[in-house]
Structure formats: structure tokens, C-alpha cells
N, C-alpha and C. Protein backbone atom coordinates (compact mmCIF):
# COMPACT_ATOMS: atom_id res chain seq x y z
N UNK A 1 12.68 -17.27 63.37
CA UNK A 1 11.75 -16.08 63.40
C UNK A 1 10.40 -16.46 62.37
N UNK A 2 10.68 -16.97 61.34
CA UNK A 2 9.62 -17.39 60.41
C UNK A 2 8.71 -18.47 61.08
N UNK A 3 9.28 -19.38 61.79
CA UNK A 3 8.61 -20.39 62.62
C UNK A 3 7.66 -19.75 63.54
N UNK A 4 8.20 -18.77 64.29
CA UNK A 4 7.35 -18.21 65.37
C UNK A 4 6.29 -17.36 64.81
N UNK A 5 6.60 -16.59 63.60
CA UNK A 5 5.47 -15.80 62.98
C UNK A 5 4.31 -16.82 62.44
N UNK A 6 4.81 -18.03 61.90
CA UNK A 6 3.80 -18.96 61.42
C UNK A 6 2.99 -19.56 62.65
N UNK A 7 3.51 -19.72 63.79
CA UNK A 7 2.83 -20.06 65.01
C UNK A 7 1.95 -19.17 65.56
N UNK A 8 2.35 -17.91 65.43
CA UNK A 8 1.34 -16.79 65.87
C UNK A 8 0.26 -16.70 64.90
N UNK A 9 0.45 -16.75 63.72
CA UNK A 9 -0.73 -16.65 62.65
C UNK A 9 -1.79 -17.79 62.84
N UNK A 10 -1.14 -19.01 63.06
CA UNK A 10 -1.89 -20.29 63.29
C UNK A 10 -2.74 -20.11 64.60
N UNK A 11 -2.15 -19.52 65.61
CA UNK A 11 -2.86 -19.14 66.79
C UNK A 11 -3.92 -18.43 66.78
N UNK A 12 -3.70 -17.20 65.98
CA UNK A 12 -4.82 -16.22 65.83
C UNK A 12 -5.99 -16.79 64.72
N UNK A 13 -5.57 -17.71 63.87
CA UNK A 13 -6.43 -18.05 62.86
C UNK A 13 -7.37 -19.16 63.61
N UNK A 14 -6.91 -19.93 64.52
CA UNK A 14 -7.67 -20.81 65.21
C UNK A 14 -8.65 -20.21 66.18
N UNK A 15 -8.03 -19.18 66.80
CA UNK A 15 -8.91 -18.32 67.72
C UNK A 15 -9.96 -17.60 66.99
N UNK A 16 -9.83 -17.00 65.87
CA UNK A 16 -10.69 -16.13 65.21
C UNK A 16 -11.77 -17.27 64.52
N UNK A 17 -11.26 -18.55 64.16
CA UNK A 17 -12.35 -19.61 63.74
C UNK A 17 -13.29 -19.74 64.76
N UNK A 18 -12.89 -19.74 66.09
CA UNK A 18 -13.86 -20.05 67.12
C UNK A 18 -15.02 -18.97 67.39
N UNK A 19 -14.67 -17.85 66.76
CA UNK A 19 -15.56 -16.70 66.90
C UNK A 19 -16.52 -16.54 65.71
N UNK A 20 -16.57 -17.46 64.76
CA UNK A 20 -17.52 -17.32 63.50
C UNK A 20 -18.83 -17.28 64.08
N UNK A 21 -19.60 -16.24 63.52
CA UNK A 21 -20.90 -16.08 63.83
C UNK A 21 -21.36 -15.03 64.92
N UNK A 22 -20.11 -14.61 65.49
CA UNK A 22 -20.21 -13.50 66.68
C UNK A 22 -20.05 -12.17 66.09
N UNK A 23 -20.57 -11.19 66.77
CA UNK A 23 -20.39 -9.81 66.36
C UNK A 23 -19.07 -9.47 66.81
N UNK A 24 -18.38 -8.60 65.91
CA UNK A 24 -17.01 -8.10 66.07
C UNK A 24 -17.00 -6.74 65.47
N UNK A 25 -16.06 -5.91 65.98
CA UNK A 25 -15.70 -4.65 65.37
C UNK A 25 -14.25 -4.73 64.80
N UNK A 26 -14.09 -4.54 63.58
CA UNK A 26 -12.78 -4.51 62.77
C UNK A 26 -12.29 -3.04 62.69
N UNK A 27 -11.14 -2.54 63.19
CA UNK A 27 -10.63 -1.35 63.01
C UNK A 27 -9.61 -1.53 61.92
N UNK A 28 -9.67 -0.77 60.96
CA UNK A 28 -8.77 -0.68 59.85
C UNK A 28 -7.54 0.36 60.04
N UNK A 29 -6.45 0.05 59.37
CA UNK A 29 -5.41 1.02 59.36
C UNK A 29 -5.72 2.51 58.95
N UNK A 30 -6.80 2.77 58.21
CA UNK A 30 -7.19 4.08 57.64
C UNK A 30 -8.28 4.65 58.58
N UNK A 31 -8.45 4.02 59.79
CA UNK A 31 -9.36 4.55 60.92
C UNK A 31 -10.73 4.21 60.74
N UNK A 32 -11.10 3.42 59.66
CA UNK A 32 -12.42 3.08 59.40
C UNK A 32 -12.76 1.99 60.46
N UNK A 33 -13.84 1.92 61.11
CA UNK A 33 -14.29 0.83 61.98
C UNK A 33 -15.57 0.21 61.36
N UNK A 34 -15.50 -1.03 61.23
CA UNK A 34 -16.64 -1.72 60.75
C UNK A 34 -17.22 -2.84 61.78
N UNK A 35 -18.48 -2.84 62.05
CA UNK A 35 -19.17 -3.68 62.94
C UNK A 35 -19.91 -4.72 62.09
N UNK A 36 -19.74 -5.93 62.39
CA UNK A 36 -20.52 -7.04 61.64
C UNK A 36 -20.25 -8.37 62.23
N UNK A 37 -21.09 -9.21 61.71
CA UNK A 37 -20.81 -10.69 62.12
C UNK A 37 -19.80 -11.34 61.39
N UNK A 38 -18.81 -11.89 62.09
CA UNK A 38 -17.83 -12.80 61.55
C UNK A 38 -18.30 -13.97 60.81
N UNK A 39 -18.14 -13.86 59.45
CA UNK A 39 -18.55 -15.01 58.58
C UNK A 39 -17.44 -16.13 58.35
N UNK A 40 -16.19 -15.50 58.15
CA UNK A 40 -15.01 -16.47 58.00
C UNK A 40 -13.85 -15.74 58.10
N UNK A 41 -12.74 -16.41 58.13
CA UNK A 41 -11.45 -16.06 58.38
C UNK A 41 -10.43 -17.09 57.67
N UNK A 42 -9.46 -16.60 57.11
CA UNK A 42 -8.50 -17.62 56.36
C UNK A 42 -7.14 -17.56 57.01
N UNK A 43 -6.22 -18.40 56.47
CA UNK A 43 -5.03 -18.68 57.06
C UNK A 43 -4.08 -17.28 56.99
N UNK A 44 -4.56 -16.30 56.09
CA UNK A 44 -3.79 -15.05 55.97
C UNK A 44 -4.61 -14.05 56.86
N UNK A 45 -5.52 -14.49 57.77
CA UNK A 45 -6.30 -13.53 58.60
C UNK A 45 -6.92 -12.62 57.88
N UNK A 46 -7.38 -12.91 56.64
CA UNK A 46 -8.37 -12.01 55.70
C UNK A 46 -9.69 -12.39 56.50
N UNK A 47 -10.57 -11.41 56.62
CA UNK A 47 -11.75 -11.49 57.44
C UNK A 47 -12.93 -11.17 56.50
N UNK A 48 -14.10 -12.09 56.57
CA UNK A 48 -15.18 -11.69 55.81
C UNK A 48 -16.33 -11.43 56.76
N UNK A 49 -16.90 -10.25 56.73
CA UNK A 49 -18.03 -9.80 57.66
C UNK A 49 -19.32 -9.68 56.86
N UNK A 50 -20.43 -10.15 57.61
CA UNK A 50 -21.79 -9.96 56.99
C UNK A 50 -22.60 -9.10 57.91
N UNK A 51 -23.67 -8.38 57.29
CA UNK A 51 -24.59 -7.51 58.09
C UNK A 51 -23.78 -6.39 58.82
N UNK A 52 -22.92 -5.67 57.94
CA UNK A 52 -22.13 -4.71 58.41
C UNK A 52 -22.74 -3.31 58.56
N UNK A 53 -22.03 -2.50 59.61
CA UNK A 53 -22.33 -0.99 59.70
C UNK A 53 -21.08 -0.43 60.10
N UNK A 54 -20.96 0.85 59.78
CA UNK A 54 -19.78 1.59 60.19
C UNK A 54 -20.04 2.36 61.28
N UNK A 55 -19.07 2.48 62.28
CA UNK A 55 -19.29 3.25 63.38
C UNK A 55 -19.40 4.79 63.19
N UNK A 56 -18.92 5.27 62.15
CA UNK A 56 -19.14 6.71 61.96
C UNK A 56 -19.68 6.80 60.50
N UNK A 57 -21.12 6.64 60.34
CA UNK A 57 -21.61 6.70 58.92
C UNK A 57 -21.52 8.27 58.33
N UNK A 58 -21.48 9.21 59.22
CA UNK A 58 -21.27 10.50 58.59
C UNK A 58 -19.94 10.72 57.85
N UNK A 59 -18.84 9.95 58.40
CA UNK A 59 -17.70 10.25 57.72
C UNK A 59 -17.46 9.23 56.63
N UNK A 60 -18.38 8.18 56.58
CA UNK A 60 -18.05 7.20 55.42
C UNK A 60 -19.49 7.00 55.12
N UNK A 61 -20.11 7.77 54.23
CA UNK A 61 -21.50 7.56 53.92
C UNK A 61 -21.68 6.60 52.61
N UNK A 62 -20.56 6.54 51.95
CA UNK A 62 -20.63 5.54 50.93
C UNK A 62 -20.66 3.99 51.30
N UNK A 63 -20.38 3.78 52.61
CA UNK A 63 -20.48 2.52 53.19
C UNK A 63 -21.91 2.16 53.67
N UNK A 64 -22.79 2.93 53.76
CA UNK A 64 -24.18 2.82 54.14
C UNK A 64 -24.98 1.65 53.34
N UNK A 65 -24.59 1.65 51.96
CA UNK A 65 -25.28 0.54 51.32
C UNK A 65 -24.61 -0.73 51.19
N UNK A 66 -23.45 -0.96 51.85
CA UNK A 66 -22.61 -2.09 51.90
C UNK A 66 -23.29 -3.12 53.11
N UNK A 67 -23.50 -4.29 52.54
CA UNK A 67 -23.86 -5.27 53.66
C UNK A 67 -22.97 -6.29 54.05
N UNK A 68 -22.09 -6.72 53.15
CA UNK A 68 -21.02 -7.68 53.36
C UNK A 68 -19.71 -7.17 52.89
N UNK A 69 -18.65 -7.50 53.58
CA UNK A 69 -17.33 -7.04 53.12
C UNK A 69 -16.27 -8.14 53.31
N UNK A 70 -15.26 -8.02 52.49
CA UNK A 70 -13.94 -8.82 52.71
C UNK A 70 -12.95 -7.83 53.03
N UNK A 71 -12.18 -8.08 54.02
CA UNK A 71 -11.09 -7.30 54.69
C UNK A 71 -9.80 -8.06 54.66
N UNK A 72 -8.81 -7.48 53.91
CA UNK A 72 -7.47 -8.01 53.76
C UNK A 72 -6.89 -7.98 55.18
N UNK A 73 -6.21 -9.11 55.72
CA UNK A 73 -5.57 -9.23 56.88
C UNK A 73 -4.59 -8.07 57.21
N UNK A 74 -3.90 -7.66 56.04
CA UNK A 74 -2.84 -6.75 56.36
C UNK A 74 -3.15 -5.39 56.55
N UNK A 75 -4.63 -5.14 56.32
CA UNK A 75 -5.12 -3.71 56.53
C UNK A 75 -5.70 -3.50 58.03
N UNK A 76 -5.72 -4.64 58.68
CA UNK A 76 -6.47 -4.68 59.98
C UNK A 76 -5.37 -4.11 61.24
N UNK A 77 -5.90 -3.07 61.91
CA UNK A 77 -5.31 -2.60 63.15
C UNK A 77 -5.71 -3.42 64.29
N UNK A 78 -7.03 -3.48 64.54
CA UNK A 78 -7.68 -4.19 65.75
C UNK A 78 -8.80 -4.78 65.44
N UNK A 79 -9.12 -5.93 66.31
CA UNK A 79 -10.47 -6.63 66.21
C UNK A 79 -10.91 -6.42 67.66
N UNK A 80 -12.12 -5.89 67.88
CA UNK A 80 -12.79 -5.86 69.02
C UNK A 80 -13.64 -7.17 69.29
N UNK A 81 -13.42 -7.85 70.22
CA UNK A 81 -14.09 -9.02 70.43
C UNK A 81 -15.22 -9.04 71.44
N UNK A 82 -16.39 -9.78 71.37
CA UNK A 82 -17.35 -9.78 72.42
C UNK A 82 -16.81 -10.44 73.62
N UNK A 83 -16.82 -9.68 74.63
CA UNK A 83 -16.06 -10.06 76.03
C UNK A 83 -16.70 -11.26 76.38
N UNK A 84 -17.85 -11.55 76.37
CA UNK A 84 -18.57 -12.74 76.97
C UNK A 84 -18.23 -14.04 76.10
N UNK A 85 -17.73 -13.90 74.84
CA UNK A 85 -17.45 -15.11 74.20
C UNK A 85 -15.87 -15.45 74.11
N UNK A 86 -15.03 -14.62 74.78
CA UNK A 86 -13.73 -15.05 74.66
C UNK A 86 -13.33 -15.90 75.88
N UNK A 87 -12.70 -16.98 75.62
CA UNK A 87 -12.23 -17.80 76.83
C UNK A 87 -10.70 -17.33 77.26
N UNK A 88 -10.72 -16.60 78.23
CA UNK A 88 -9.46 -15.95 78.74
C UNK A 88 -8.44 -16.97 79.01
N UNK A 89 -8.83 -18.03 79.65
CA UNK A 89 -8.11 -19.21 79.96
C UNK A 89 -7.32 -19.85 78.83
N UNK A 90 -8.02 -20.06 77.80
CA UNK A 90 -7.43 -20.47 76.57
C UNK A 90 -6.41 -19.58 76.04
N UNK A 91 -6.72 -18.29 76.13
CA UNK A 91 -5.71 -17.13 75.52
C UNK A 91 -4.52 -17.31 76.48
N UNK A 92 -4.62 -17.31 77.53
CA UNK A 92 -3.54 -17.39 78.55
C UNK A 92 -2.57 -18.63 78.35
N UNK A 93 -3.23 -19.67 78.06
CA UNK A 93 -2.46 -20.99 77.78
C UNK A 93 -1.71 -20.76 76.42
N UNK A 94 -2.42 -20.38 75.52
CA UNK A 94 -1.74 -20.17 74.26
C UNK A 94 -0.34 -19.09 74.44
N UNK A 95 -0.75 -18.16 75.16
CA UNK A 95 0.40 -17.08 75.40
C UNK A 95 1.52 -17.76 76.04
N UNK A 96 1.21 -18.54 77.01
CA UNK A 96 2.41 -19.35 77.67
C UNK A 96 3.18 -20.18 76.76
N UNK A 97 2.44 -21.05 75.89
CA UNK A 97 2.95 -21.85 74.92
C UNK A 97 3.91 -21.04 74.00
N UNK A 98 3.43 -19.83 73.44
CA UNK A 98 4.21 -19.04 72.52
C UNK A 98 5.36 -18.54 73.08
N UNK A 99 5.33 -18.16 74.51
CA UNK A 99 6.36 -17.71 75.23
C UNK A 99 7.54 -18.77 75.30
N UNK A 100 7.16 -19.95 75.56
CA UNK A 100 7.96 -21.08 75.64
C UNK A 100 8.81 -21.42 74.24
N UNK A 101 7.99 -21.28 73.02
CA UNK A 101 8.48 -21.44 71.83
C UNK A 101 9.36 -20.37 71.28
N UNK A 102 9.11 -19.13 71.79
CA UNK A 102 10.05 -18.04 71.42
C UNK A 102 11.19 -18.05 72.08
N UNK A 103 11.38 -18.74 73.31
CA UNK A 103 12.65 -18.80 74.05
C UNK A 103 13.56 -19.87 73.56
N UNK A 104 13.10 -20.88 72.73
CA UNK A 104 13.94 -21.86 72.19
C UNK A 104 14.81 -21.42 71.11
């Protein structure tokens, strides 16, 4: 089980590294959605965004002055990716490999 979790973490880490410099929307578990440029991601799936904005500035006015942020990986609910930047064939191949590993 731990090996499978490590494989998934490595898979997502490699995938997000390929999206550095692209616009993403990160939705947090507290319902805050932050749009920004993916600056970096680490092996714990912590995310650093630059040039950020919030999708609901009326609800989170204190975030209007923030330009860069670091997001702990454990508080991320979803990451919305730019559709034209995602290699779906690569994702399908990785999912197949993960399925093979999990059945062993």
C-alpha cells in the first residue's frame, strides 16, 4: 500500500512539474479557489503560485493584496488544469501502469 501511494505521489509530482509556468486554478478544502501561474511543486505536492487572484474576491477580500502564495499539498481539493496543455495520452498510459502495479 505504501509503495502504491509513493508511486501515485511520484506520478502526480512529475505531471505537475510539466505544467510549471502554466495558469491553474487550485481549489482548497476550505472552498477558496486561487487562480495563478504554477511556479513550483515539490515531492509532497505543495504548490507555489505567482500572480494569483481569487475567484470570489467579495468573499475573500483579504486575499486581494496577495500576489504569490505557497499551498500545502494536504489542503488541496482539486487542481483545474489548462485543457490545451494536458497530454491525455500520457495520462492514460500512466493510469494503465498504475493499474498494473496495483494488481500485483
